[in-house]
Amino acid sequence: MSFTDEGTPTSKVEQGIGGKVAKLESDEAELARMGYKQELKRDLGLLQVKLPYDVALGQTSNH
């Protein structure tokens, strides 16, 4: 049997639920990272398309 920080016992069911919640939170964090990376790739792709177009029109960036 396990005990919480307060010293009260936790059941196997409570431990299992806690593990599933931690796994879901981990999965959610991974999906968020993947989504963020996908957005960065999309933005980079848009920049790569836009920059040659601007150069072809004779427009310059003030970066």
N, C-alpha and C. Protein backbone atom coordinates (compact mmCIF):
# COMPACT_ATOMS: atom_id res chain seq x y z
N MET A 1 0.84 -1.18 0.00
CA MET A 1 0.00 0.00 0.00
C MET A 1 0.89 1.24 0.00
N SER A 2 0.48 2.26 -0.74
CA SER A 2 1.22 3.51 -0.79
C SER A 2 0.54 4.55 0.09
N PHE A 3 1.27 5.61 0.37
CA PHE A 3 0.74 6.68 1.19
C PHE A 3 0.93 8.01 0.47
N THR A 4 0.00 8.94 0.69
CA THR A 4 0.11 10.28 0.13
C THR A 4 1.08 11.09 0.98
N ASP A 5 1.32 12.33 0.57
CA ASP A 5 2.19 13.22 1.34
C ASP A 5 1.64 13.46 2.75
N GLU A 6 0.31 13.39 2.87
CA GLU A 6 -0.31 13.62 4.18
C GLU A 6 -0.28 12.38 5.05
N GLY A 7 0.17 11.26 4.52
CA GLY A 7 0.26 10.03 5.29
C GLY A 7 -0.96 9.15 5.19
N THR A 8 -1.94 9.53 4.35
CA THR A 8 -3.12 8.68 4.19
C THR A 8 -2.85 7.67 3.10
N PRO A 9 -3.36 6.45 3.27
CA PRO A 9 -3.10 5.41 2.26
C PRO A 9 -3.83 5.70 0.95
N THR A 10 -3.22 5.31 -0.16
CA THR A 10 -3.86 5.41 -1.47
C THR A 10 -4.11 4.00 -2.00
N SER A 11 -5.22 3.83 -2.67
CA SER A 11 -5.55 2.51 -3.19
C SER A 11 -4.86 2.29 -4.54
N LYS A 12 -4.88 1.06 -5.00
CA LYS A 12 -4.33 0.74 -6.32
C LYS A 12 -5.10 1.47 -7.41
N VAL A 13 -6.40 1.63 -7.21
CA VAL A 13 -7.23 2.34 -8.20
C VAL A 13 -6.80 3.80 -8.29
N GLU A 14 -6.61 4.43 -7.14
CA GLU A 14 -6.17 5.82 -7.12
C GLU A 14 -4.79 5.96 -7.77
N GLN A 15 -3.91 5.02 -7.52
CA GLN A 15 -2.58 5.05 -8.12
C GLN A 15 -2.68 4.88 -9.64
N GLY A 16 -3.56 3.98 -10.08
CA GLY A 16 -3.74 3.76 -11.51
C GLY A 16 -4.30 4.99 -12.20
N ILE A 17 -5.27 5.63 -11.56
CA ILE A 17 -5.86 6.85 -12.13
C ILE A 17 -4.80 7.94 -12.20
N GLY A 18 -4.01 8.07 -11.14
CA GLY A 18 -2.95 9.07 -11.13
C GLY A 18 -1.96 8.84 -12.26
N GLY A 19 -1.63 7.58 -12.51
CA GLY A 19 -0.70 7.26 -13.60
C GLY A 19 -1.29 7.58 -14.95
N LYS A 20 -2.59 7.31 -15.11
CA LYS A 20 -3.25 7.61 -16.39
C LYS A 20 -3.33 9.12 -16.61
N VAL A 21 -3.59 9.87 -15.56
CA VAL A 21 -3.65 11.33 -15.67
C VAL A 21 -2.28 11.87 -16.05
N ALA A 22 -1.23 11.36 -15.41
CA ALA A 22 0.12 11.80 -15.74
C ALA A 22 0.46 11.48 -17.19
N LYS A 23 0.03 10.30 -17.68
CA LYS A 23 0.29 9.91 -19.07
C LYS A 23 -0.46 10.84 -20.02
N LEU A 24 -1.72 11.16 -19.70
CA LEU A 24 -2.49 12.07 -20.54
C LEU A 24 -1.85 13.45 -20.59
N GLU A 25 -1.38 13.93 -19.45
CA GLU A 25 -0.72 15.23 -19.40
C GLU A 25 0.56 15.20 -20.22
N SER A 26 1.29 14.11 -20.14
CA SER A 26 2.51 13.96 -20.92
C SER A 26 2.19 13.94 -22.42
N ASP A 27 1.16 13.19 -22.78
CA ASP A 27 0.75 13.13 -24.19
C ASP A 27 0.31 14.50 -24.69
N GLU A 28 -0.43 15.22 -23.85
CA GLU A 28 -0.91 16.54 -24.23
C GLU A 28 0.27 17.50 -24.43
N ALA A 29 1.26 17.41 -23.56
CA ALA A 29 2.44 18.26 -23.70
C ALA A 29 3.19 17.93 -24.98
N GLU A 30 3.29 16.65 -25.31
CA GLU A 30 3.98 16.24 -26.54
C GLU A 30 3.22 16.74 -27.77
N LEU A 31 1.90 16.64 -27.75
CA LEU A 31 1.11 17.15 -28.87
C LEU A 31 1.27 18.66 -29.02
N ALA A 32 1.34 19.37 -27.91
CA ALA A 32 1.54 20.82 -27.95
C ALA A 32 2.89 21.14 -28.57
N ARG A 33 3.93 20.39 -28.19
CA ARG A 33 5.26 20.62 -28.78
C ARG A 33 5.25 20.33 -30.28
N MET A 34 4.57 19.26 -30.66
CA MET A 34 4.50 18.91 -32.08
C MET A 34 3.76 20.00 -32.86
N GLY A 35 2.67 20.50 -32.29
CA GLY A 35 1.91 21.57 -32.94
C GLY A 35 2.73 22.83 -33.08
N TYR A 36 3.50 23.16 -32.05
CA TYR A 36 4.35 24.34 -32.09
C TYR A 36 5.41 24.20 -33.17
N LYS A 37 6.03 23.02 -33.25
CA LYS A 37 7.05 22.78 -34.28
C LYS A 37 6.43 22.87 -35.67
N GLN A 38 5.21 22.34 -35.82
CA GLN A 38 4.54 22.39 -37.11
C GLN A 38 4.26 23.84 -37.51
N GLU A 39 3.85 24.66 -36.56
CA GLU A 39 3.60 26.08 -36.84
C GLU A 39 4.90 26.78 -37.26
N LEU A 40 6.01 26.47 -36.59
CA LEU A 40 7.29 27.07 -36.96
C LEU A 40 7.68 26.68 -38.38
N LYS A 41 7.48 25.40 -38.72
CA LYS A 41 7.80 24.94 -40.07
C LYS A 41 6.93 25.64 -41.10
N ARG A 42 5.64 25.81 -40.77
CA ARG A 42 4.72 26.47 -41.70
C ARG A 42 5.14 27.93 -41.90
N ASP A 43 5.46 28.62 -40.79
CA ASP A 43 5.89 30.01 -40.89
C ASP A 43 7.18 30.14 -41.70
N LEU A 44 8.11 29.22 -41.49
CA LEU A 44 9.36 29.24 -42.25
C LEU A 44 9.08 29.03 -43.73
N GLY A 45 8.19 28.10 -44.03
CA GLY A 45 7.81 27.85 -45.43
C GLY A 45 7.20 29.08 -46.07
N LEU A 46 6.36 29.79 -45.32
CA LEU A 46 5.75 31.01 -45.85
C LEU A 46 6.80 32.08 -46.10
N LEU A 47 7.76 32.18 -45.19
CA LEU A 47 8.84 33.16 -45.36
C LEU A 47 9.68 32.83 -46.59
N GLN A 48 9.96 31.56 -46.78
CA GLN A 48 10.79 31.15 -47.92
C GLN A 48 10.07 31.43 -49.23
N VAL A 49 8.76 31.34 -49.24
CA VAL A 49 8.00 31.63 -50.46
C VAL A 49 7.90 33.13 -50.66
N LYS A 50 7.68 33.88 -49.58
CA LYS A 50 7.47 35.32 -49.67
C LYS A 50 8.75 36.07 -50.04
N LEU A 51 9.87 35.69 -49.47
CA LEU A 51 11.12 36.43 -49.71
C LEU A 51 11.52 36.44 -51.19
N PRO A 52 11.56 35.33 -51.89
CA PRO A 52 11.92 35.40 -53.30
C PRO A 52 10.92 36.23 -54.11
N TYR A 53 9.65 36.19 -53.74
CA TYR A 53 8.62 36.97 -54.43
C TYR A 53 8.89 38.45 -54.24
N ASP A 54 9.22 38.87 -53.01
CA ASP A 54 9.53 40.27 -52.74
C ASP A 54 10.76 40.73 -53.50
N VAL A 55 11.77 39.87 -53.58
CA VAL A 55 13.00 40.22 -54.30
C VAL A 55 12.70 40.39 -55.78
N ALA A 56 11.87 39.50 -56.31
CA ALA A 56 11.51 39.58 -57.73
C ALA A 56 10.78 40.88 -58.04
N LEU A 57 10.04 41.42 -57.09
CA LEU A 57 9.31 42.67 -57.30
C LEU A 57 10.18 43.89 -57.00
N GLY A 58 11.40 43.66 -56.53
CA GLY A 58 12.30 44.76 -56.22
C GLY A 58 12.07 45.35 -54.84
N GLN A 59 11.30 44.68 -54.02
CA GLN A 59 11.07 45.17 -52.67
C GLN A 59 12.15 44.62 -51.75
N THR A 60 12.60 45.42 -50.83
CA THR A 60 13.61 44.96 -49.89
C THR A 60 13.07 45.04 -48.47
N SER A 61 13.61 44.22 -47.62
CA SER A 61 13.20 44.18 -46.23
C SER A 61 14.15 45.05 -45.43
N ASN A 62 13.65 45.69 -44.39
CA ASN A 62 14.47 46.54 -43.53
C ASN A 62 14.87 45.80 -42.27
N HIS A 63 15.35 44.57 -42.39
CA HIS A 63 15.77 43.79 -41.21
C HIS A 63 17.18 44.07 -40.90
